[in-house]
């Protein structure tokens, strides 16, 4: 039996690789799914497409971003290493990793703003 796309993606994350798929026409596909696709590994660079600051009651504020990866797919993540309010649309970012937390079994892809 073939492994699930989620298992393959998590295995890549354990190796600190941001994996995505391409369809039979060469178009990038993300989130991984079942179908006639091929796995590839992203170079981990992209541009912030959208950002917002989440302020949970009683918790610390954090940002939530959509990043357009250079390979042509978009993913939701976070930018680390700066105040949530300082993350700007259009900022160039590079892949980083957050260690697994409760209920997570693999590192989580996050981003850092590239130095200008």
Protein backbone atom coordinates (compact mmCIF):
# COMPACT_ATOMS: atom_id res chain seq x y z
CA UNK A 1 0.00 0.00 0.00
CA UNK A 2 1.26 3.46 -0.92
CA UNK A 3 2.12 5.85 1.93
CA UNK A 4 -0.17 8.79 2.55
CA UNK A 5 0.95 12.22 1.28
CA UNK A 6 0.83 13.49 4.89
CA UNK A 7 3.32 10.79 5.97
CA UNK A 8 5.69 11.62 3.11
CA UNK A 9 5.46 15.36 3.92
CA UNK A 10 6.17 14.73 7.63
CA UNK A 11 9.17 12.57 6.74
CA UNK A 12 10.60 15.44 4.70
CA UNK A 13 9.98 17.82 7.62
CA UNK A 14 11.91 15.50 9.94
CA UNK A 15 14.83 15.93 7.52
CA UNK A 16 14.17 19.69 7.52
CA UNK A 17 13.10 19.71 3.88
CA UNK A 18 10.06 21.67 2.72
CA UNK A 19 8.46 19.25 0.28
CA UNK A 20 5.74 19.99 -2.22
CA UNK A 21 4.28 18.19 -5.21
CA UNK A 22 3.93 19.01 -8.89
CA UNK A 23 1.08 17.73 -11.01
CA UNK A 24 1.48 16.03 -14.37
CA UNK A 25 1.55 19.47 -16.05
CA UNK A 26 4.43 20.67 -13.86
CA UNK A 27 2.27 22.98 -11.71
CA UNK A 28 3.15 23.12 -8.00
CA UNK A 29 0.68 21.57 -5.56
CA UNK A 30 0.56 22.35 -1.85
CA UNK A 31 -0.85 20.95 0.60
CA UNK A 32 0.19 17.43 -0.39
CA UNK A 33 -2.59 15.27 -1.78
CA UNK A 34 -3.29 11.94 -3.39
CA UNK A 35 -3.07 11.85 -7.14
CA UNK A 36 -0.66 11.68 -10.05
CA UNK A 37 2.02 13.95 -8.59
CA UNK A 38 5.78 14.04 -8.13
CA UNK A 39 7.55 15.17 -4.95
CA UNK A 40 10.10 18.00 -4.98
CA UNK A 41 11.96 19.95 -2.29
CA UNK A 42 11.69 23.74 -2.10
CA UNK A 43 14.71 26.00 -1.89
CA UNK A 44 12.90 27.65 1.02
CA UNK A 45 12.81 31.24 -0.20
CA UNK A 46 9.75 33.35 -0.84
CA UNK A 47 7.84 36.58 -0.37
CA UNK A 48 5.26 37.50 2.27
CA UNK A 49 1.93 37.74 0.41
CA UNK A 50 -0.23 38.60 3.44
CA UNK A 51 0.28 39.00 7.18
CA UNK A 52 -1.82 39.54 10.27
CA UNK A 53 -1.18 39.73 13.99
CA UNK A 54 -3.08 37.33 16.23
CA UNK A 55 -3.60 38.49 19.80
CA UNK A 56 -5.02 35.62 21.86
CA UNK A 57 -6.63 36.61 25.15
CA UNK A 58 -4.09 36.06 27.89
CA UNK A 59 -1.37 35.02 25.43
CA UNK A 60 1.43 36.59 23.47
CA UNK A 61 0.76 38.14 20.07
CA UNK A 62 2.11 36.30 17.05
CA UNK A 63 1.95 36.73 13.29
CA UNK A 64 0.29 34.53 10.74
CA UNK A 65 1.50 34.85 7.15
CA UNK A 66 0.87 33.58 3.67
CA UNK A 67 4.17 33.10 1.85
CA UNK A 68 4.51 32.80 -1.92
CA UNK A 69 7.40 30.38 -2.38
CA UNK A 70 9.72 30.94 -5.34
CA UNK A 71 8.65 27.55 -6.78
CA UNK A 72 5.12 28.88 -7.28
CA UNK A 73 3.05 27.63 -4.35
CA UNK A 74 1.62 29.50 -1.37
CA UNK A 75 1.60 28.29 2.22
CA UNK A 76 0.45 29.51 5.62
CA UNK A 77 3.12 29.83 8.28
CA UNK A 78 4.72 32.33 10.68
CA UNK A 79 7.72 34.65 10.57
CA UNK A 80 10.02 34.32 13.57
CA UNK A 81 12.79 36.53 14.85
CA UNK A 82 10.98 39.88 14.83
CA UNK A 83 7.95 41.53 16.42
CA UNK A 84 4.68 40.36 14.81
CA UNK A 85 3.81 43.97 13.88
CA UNK A 86 7.11 44.36 12.01
CA UNK A 87 6.42 41.66 9.40
CA UNK A 88 5.61 43.42 6.12
CA UNK A 89 3.89 42.35 2.93
CA UNK A 90 6.52 41.98 0.22
CA UNK A 91 9.32 41.02 2.63
CA UNK A 92 11.68 38.36 1.34
CA UNK A 93 11.87 35.38 3.68
CA UNK A 94 13.83 32.15 4.01
CA UNK A 95 12.86 28.84 5.56
CA UNK A 96 13.59 28.10 9.22
CA UNK A 97 12.29 25.35 11.51
CA UNK A 98 10.43 25.34 14.83
CA UNK A 99 10.96 22.29 16.99
CA UNK A 100 7.89 20.08 17.44
CA UNK A 101 5.45 21.12 20.17
CA UNK A 102 2.66 19.25 21.90
CA UNK A 103 0.90 16.92 19.49
CA UNK A 104 3.49 17.46 16.73
CA UNK A 105 5.92 14.75 15.69
CA UNK A 106 8.06 16.69 13.22
CA UNK A 107 9.66 20.14 13.01
CA UNK A 108 7.34 22.85 11.67
CA UNK A 109 8.35 25.08 8.75
CA UNK A 110 8.47 28.79 9.67
CA UNK A 111 10.27 31.71 8.05
CA UNK A 112 12.80 34.41 8.88
CA UNK A 113 13.09 37.75 7.09
CA UNK A 114 16.18 37.84 4.86
CA UNK A 115 18.73 40.53 5.54
CA UNK A 116 18.54 43.37 3.02
